Protein backbone atom coordinates (compact mmCIF):
# COMPACT_ATOMS: atom_id res chain seq x y z
CA MET A 1 2.89 4.79 -0.15
CA PHE A 2 3.64 3.64 -3.58
CA ASN A 3 2.06 0.13 -3.94
CA GLY A 4 -1.42 0.47 -5.17
CA MET A 5 -2.28 -3.18 -5.00
CA TYR A 6 -1.94 -3.27 -1.23
CA ILE A 7 -4.47 -0.65 -0.54
CA ASN A 8 -6.97 -1.49 -3.44
CA PRO A 9 -7.17 -4.87 -5.28
CA ALA A 10 -9.08 -3.10 -8.04
CA TYR A 11 -5.57 -1.67 -9.11
CA THR A 12 -4.58 -5.02 -10.22
CA GLY A 13 -3.62 -5.06 -13.96
CA SER A 14 -4.18 -1.29 -14.38
CA LEU A 15 -0.68 -0.95 -16.04
CA ASP A 16 -1.81 -3.11 -18.95
CA ALA A 17 1.44 -5.14 -18.64
CA PHE A 18 3.12 -7.64 -16.41
CA ALA A 19 4.42 -5.51 -13.55
CA THR A 20 6.49 -6.40 -10.37
CA ASP A 21 6.80 -4.06 -7.29
CA LEU A 22 9.16 -4.38 -4.19
CA THR A 23 8.56 -1.96 -1.32
CA TYR A 24 10.62 -1.67 1.93
CA ARG A 25 9.54 0.59 4.71
CA ASN A 26 11.17 1.51 8.06
CA GLN A 27 9.14 3.52 10.38
CA TRP A 28 9.96 5.63 13.33
CA GLY A 29 13.92 5.42 12.94
CA GLY A 30 15.60 4.89 16.31
CA VAL A 31 12.56 3.61 18.15
CA GLU A 32 13.15 0.05 19.31
CA GLY A 33 10.59 -2.50 17.92
CA ALA A 34 9.29 0.16 15.39
CA PRO A 35 7.18 -1.20 12.42
CA GLU A 36 9.10 -2.56 9.46
CA SER A 37 7.44 -3.81 6.21
CA THR A 38 8.56 -5.44 3.11
CA ILE A 39 5.99 -5.89 0.21
CA PHE A 40 6.39 -7.68 -3.10
CA SER A 41 3.59 -7.75 -5.66
CA ALA A 42 3.16 -8.98 -9.14
CA HIS A 43 0.26 -8.37 -11.39
CA MET A 44 -0.90 -8.49 -15.01
CA PRO A 45 -4.09 -8.64 -17.36
CA LEU A 46 -5.01 -11.94 -18.97
CA LYS A 47 -5.38 -12.39 -22.63
CA LYS A 48 -9.01 -11.56 -22.09
CA GLU A 49 -8.52 -8.05 -20.96
CA GLN A 50 -11.47 -7.90 -18.69
CA ILE A 51 -9.72 -10.03 -16.17
CA SER A 52 -6.48 -9.15 -14.30
CA VAL A 53 -4.70 -11.27 -11.70
CA GLY A 54 -2.13 -10.60 -9.10
CA ALA A 55 -0.35 -11.77 -5.91
CA LEU A 56 1.10 -10.11 -2.80
CA LEU A 57 3.68 -11.45 -0.42
CA PHE A 58 4.56 -9.29 2.45
CA ASN A 59 6.22 -9.16 5.91
CA ASN A 60 5.35 -6.88 8.70
CA SER A 61 6.98 -6.69 12.16
CA ILE A 62 6.35 -4.40 15.14
CA GLY A 63 7.55 -5.19 18.63
CA VAL A 64 7.36 -8.89 19.47
CA LYS A 65 4.86 -9.40 16.50
CA ASN A 66 5.97 -10.68 13.16
CA SER A 67 3.74 -11.68 10.22
CA THR A 68 4.22 -13.06 6.73
CA SER A 69 1.25 -12.86 4.47
CA ILE A 70 0.30 -14.15 1.07
CA TYR A 71 -2.74 -12.73 -0.95
CA PHE A 72 -4.13 -13.25 -4.38
CA ASN A 73 -5.96 -10.49 -6.24
CA GLY A 74 -8.49 -10.52 -9.06
CA ALA A 75 -9.85 -7.60 -10.85
CA TYR A 76 -12.78 -7.28 -13.57
CA ARG A 77 -12.37 -4.29 -15.83
CA ILE A 78 -14.97 -2.72 -17.90
CA LYS A 79 -13.56 -0.29 -20.54
CA SER A 80 -15.82 2.61 -21.88
CA PRO A 81 -15.82 3.94 -25.46
CA SER A 82 -13.59 6.86 -24.32
CA LYS A 83 -10.95 4.21 -23.27
CA ASN A 84 -11.31 4.92 -19.47
CA THR A 85 -11.66 1.88 -17.33
CA LEU A 86 -13.81 0.84 -14.25
CA ALA A 87 -12.18 -2.01 -12.41
CA LEU A 88 -13.77 -3.97 -9.51
CA GLY A 89 -11.26 -5.96 -7.38
CA LEU A 90 -11.28 -8.61 -4.65
CA SER A 91 -8.29 -10.07 -2.72
CA GLY A 92 -8.04 -12.83 -0.07
CA GLY A 93 -5.17 -14.56 1.64
CA LEU A 94 -3.67 -15.64 4.86
CA ASP A 95 -1.56 -13.96 7.56
CA PHE A 96 0.94 -16.32 9.34
CA ILE A 97 1.46 -14.46 12.68
CA ASN A 98 4.33 -15.19 15.18
CA GLU A 99 4.21 -13.39 18.66
CA ASN A 100 7.53 -13.89 20.55
CA TRP A 101 6.46 -12.84 23.96
CA SER A 102 9.63 -14.08 25.64
CA ASN A 103 11.37 -10.97 24.26
CA VAL A 104 9.34 -8.77 26.60
CA VAL A 105 11.19 -7.62 29.76
CA THR A 106 8.91 -8.20 32.77
CA THR A 107 9.26 -7.05 36.28
CA GLU A 108 8.47 -10.74 37.49
CA ALA A 109 11.08 -13.50 36.55
CA ASN A 110 9.66 -16.44 34.47
CA ASP A 111 6.33 -14.77 34.06
CA GLY A 112 4.10 -17.46 32.46
CA GLN A 113 2.07 -14.96 30.48
CA PHE A 114 5.13 -13.96 28.49
CA SER A 115 7.10 -17.16 28.17
CA THR A 116 5.31 -19.05 25.40
CA PRO A 117 5.58 -17.85 21.74
CA GLN A 118 2.17 -17.80 20.02
CA GLN A 119 1.35 -18.65 16.37
CA HIS A 120 -1.80 -17.91 14.34
CA VAL A 121 -2.92 -18.43 10.82
CA LEU A 122 -5.63 -15.94 9.95
CA PRO A 123 -7.59 -15.18 6.84
CA ASN A 124 -8.56 -11.62 5.58
CA PHE A 125 -9.97 -9.93 2.50
CA SER A 126 -9.97 -6.67 0.61
CA PHE A 127 -12.31 -5.28 -2.02
CA GLY A 128 -12.33 -2.10 -4.00
CA ALA A 129 -13.29 -0.10 -7.09
CA TYR A 130 -11.03 1.87 -9.37
CA TRP A 131 -11.91 4.22 -12.13
CA TYR A 132 -8.94 5.46 -14.30
CA GLY A 133 -7.91 6.86 -17.67
CA LYS A 134 -4.79 8.15 -19.21
CA ARG A 135 -4.73 11.20 -16.98
CA PHE A 136 -6.71 10.58 -13.82
CA PHE A 137 -7.68 7.93 -11.34
CA ILE A 138 -10.35 7.69 -8.59
CA GLY A 139 -10.55 4.79 -6.24
CA ALA A 140 -12.28 3.49 -3.09
CA SER A 141 -11.53 0.34 -1.00
CA ALA A 142 -11.87 -1.60 2.13
CA PRO A 143 -8.33 -3.24 2.74
CA PHE A 144 -8.03 -6.11 5.14
CA PHE A 145 -11.51 -5.41 6.48
CA LEU A 146 -11.85 -8.30 8.97
CA GLN A 147 -10.86 -7.50 12.64
CA ARG A 148 -9.10 -9.81 15.17
CA ARG A 149 -9.87 -9.86 18.98
CA TYR A 150 -7.28 -11.16 21.38
CA SER A 151 -8.39 -12.86 24.66
CA ASP A 152 -6.23 -12.69 27.84
CA LEU A 153 -5.34 -16.36 27.19
CA GLY A 154 -3.95 -15.61 23.74
CA ALA A 155 -6.90 -17.02 21.69
CA VAL A 156 -7.90 -15.05 18.52
CA SER A 157 -11.28 -14.49 17.15
CA ILE A 158 -12.35 -13.08 13.78
CA SER A 159 -15.13 -10.54 13.61
CA GLN A 160 -16.48 -7.84 11.18
CA ASP A 161 -17.49 -4.52 12.61
CA PHE A 162 -18.02 -1.87 9.89
CA SER A 163 -17.30 0.97 12.34
CA ASN A 164 -13.82 -0.33 12.85
CA SER A 165 -13.04 -1.27 9.16
CA THR A 166 -10.54 0.92 7.23
CA TYR A 167 -11.90 2.48 4.17
CA MET A 168 -9.63 4.31 1.58
CA PHE A 169 -10.49 6.91 -0.95
CA GLU A 170 -7.97 8.27 -3.50
CA GLY A 171 -7.73 10.37 -6.47
CA GLY A 172 -5.35 12.12 -8.78
CA TYR A 173 -4.87 14.00 -12.12
CA ASN A 174 -1.93 14.60 -14.44
CA PHE A 175 -1.48 18.10 -15.81
CA ASP A 176 0.93 19.03 -18.65
CA LEU A 177 2.62 22.30 -17.79
CA ASN A 178 4.58 22.07 -21.06
CA SER A 179 6.13 19.34 -23.16
CA ASN A 180 8.69 18.50 -20.52
CA VAL A 181 6.97 19.13 -17.23
CA LYS A 182 3.91 17.31 -15.77
CA LEU A 183 2.29 18.06 -12.50
CA LYS A 184 0.47 15.26 -10.62
CA PRO A 185 -1.62 16.34 -7.54
CA SER A 186 -3.36 13.50 -5.59
CA PHE A 187 -4.91 12.60 -2.37
CA LEU A 188 -5.51 9.62 -0.14
CA LEU A 189 -8.21 9.58 2.53
CA LYS A 190 -7.98 6.93 5.21
CA MET A 191 -11.17 6.63 7.33
CA ILE A 192 -12.12 4.41 10.32
CA PRO A 193 -15.46 5.61 11.39
CA ALA A 194 -14.88 4.77 15.13
CA GLN A 195 -11.52 6.69 15.09
CA GLN A 196 -10.04 9.91 13.61
CA GLN A 197 -9.62 10.17 9.79
CA GLN A 198 -6.26 10.86 8.09
CA LEU A 199 -5.74 12.64 4.89
CA ASP A 200 -2.61 12.68 2.58
CA LEU A 201 -2.27 15.54 0.24
CA ASN A 202 0.34 14.80 -2.33
CA LEU A 203 1.93 16.83 -5.17
CA LEU A 204 4.49 15.45 -7.76
CA ALA A 205 6.42 17.22 -10.63
CA GLU A 206 7.83 15.00 -13.28
CA PHE A 207 10.58 16.23 -15.78
CA ASN A 208 11.17 14.80 -19.22
CA LYS A 209 9.37 11.65 -18.20
CA THR A 210 12.67 10.66 -16.48
CA PHE A 211 12.53 11.80 -12.83
CA GLY A 212 10.22 13.46 -10.37
CA ILE A 213 10.21 15.13 -6.98
CA GLY A 214 7.32 15.89 -4.73
CA GLY A 215 5.99 16.19 -1.30
CA SER A 216 2.85 15.15 0.87
CA TYR A 217 1.33 16.32 4.00
CA ARG A 218 -0.41 13.77 6.29
CA THR A 219 -2.82 15.40 8.59
CA ASN A 220 -1.52 15.70 12.19
CA ALA A 221 1.15 13.12 11.46
CA ALA A 222 3.93 13.82 9.06
CA VAL A 223 5.35 15.71 6.11
CA VAL A 224 6.85 13.59 3.25
CA GLY A 225 9.44 14.35 0.65
CA LEU A 226 9.92 11.91 -2.20
CA PHE A 227 12.08 11.36 -5.36
CA TYR A 228 11.71 8.80 -8.20
CA ILE A 229 13.68 8.10 -11.39
CA ASN A 230 12.57 6.25 -14.50
CA LEU A 231 15.02 4.14 -16.31
CA PHE A 232 15.04 1.94 -19.44
CA GLU A 233 12.14 3.81 -21.19
CA LYS A 234 10.17 3.79 -17.91
CA ASN A 235 10.31 0.05 -17.63
CA LEU A 236 12.34 0.46 -14.24
CA THR A 237 11.18 2.96 -11.47
CA ILE A 238 13.22 3.66 -8.45
CA SER A 239 11.64 5.72 -5.70
CA TYR A 240 12.56 6.95 -2.18
CA ALA A 241 10.31 8.69 0.33
CA TYR A 242 11.37 10.26 3.70
CA ASP A 243 8.66 10.96 6.35
CA HIS A 244 9.20 13.36 9.17
CA ALA A 245 6.80 13.36 12.18
CA ILE A 246 5.03 16.56 13.13
CA GLY A 247 2.85 17.84 15.87
CA THR A 248 2.63 15.79 19.11
CA ASN A 249 4.42 13.00 17.37
CA VAL A 250 7.62 14.86 16.64
CA ASN A 251 9.37 14.15 19.96
CA TYR A 252 8.98 10.29 19.82
CA LEU A 253 8.23 9.05 16.46
CA GLY A 254 11.12 10.39 14.58
CA SER A 255 11.40 9.66 10.79
CA SER A 256 10.57 7.04 8.40
CA HIS A 257 12.16 5.67 5.06
CA GLU A 258 10.57 3.98 2.13
CA ILE A 259 12.26 2.60 -0.85
CA TYR A 260 10.33 1.34 -3.82
CA LEU A 261 11.26 -0.61 -7.12
CA ARG A 262 9.01 -1.35 -10.05
CA TYR A 263 9.63 -3.18 -13.21
CA VAL A 264 7.22 -3.23 -16.04
CA PHE A 265 7.49 -5.78 -18.86
CA LYS A 266 5.82 -3.56 -21.40
CA LYS A 267 6.30 -5.97 -24.27
CA VAL A 268 3.98 -8.46 -22.77
CA VAL A 269 0.75 -6.52 -23.55
CA ASN A 270 0.20 -3.94 -26.35
CA LEU A 271 -0.09 -0.61 -24.59
CA GLU A 272 -2.90 1.07 -26.50
CA ASN A 273 -3.53 3.44 -23.57
CA PRO A 274 -0.24 4.19 -21.66
CA ARG A 275 -0.88 5.84 -18.25
CA TYR A 276 1.12 8.24 -16.12
CA PHE A 277 0.12 6.71 -12.69
């Protein structure tokens, strides 16, 4: 839930410095074949501050399926006289997918449908917009908007159906309660028109610009607790989040864990407008 580039390519370069991020997420602890994700990203503005570039390298596994992906991001940024910024972003890359069907336990010995591993190399794209300033952000994006269709024989075709694409909307604001405490409410809305929508409502409290605690409610899915600490004058951020399933999911999905590391090389770019997000 921490890596902004993954859900919105327009986030690329928004820290006005060269930044690297590493995220590891383990979902549904105790469930065999549950999703596991590792995401590494790096991004920065170029000398011409209107252009930012970045890259994502990530691995996702669930059940018999494992995929390794590489994506390249670009964003064009327009700064207003008030020093707020509108960024438009695009991302494109490839997913290298391996499906090891031989790991499936079948009722029929040597079942031909489950004996041969399958590999696919498939493209995908993301686009988005991001409007942000020192104290706020608003974003909209369509991450990985191409769909894949699998035939009974294992062939894969790529299609685009806007009713089955994922659309993300996000926003947040930073309030100063006093000189030492900041309150950061935010939201993330995930919409798939042909399916049910999901809303994350988040609230973070930061103390002395050093550490923060908070929580999140994900509609009909989970409650989340999180903690982060800033070190070396906020160059290094270490975060941990714990999800606990609620509602009808509580009996079989269990809990999820996410660890996030970010290092920002602030000396690369002059930070005229340091941000809190």
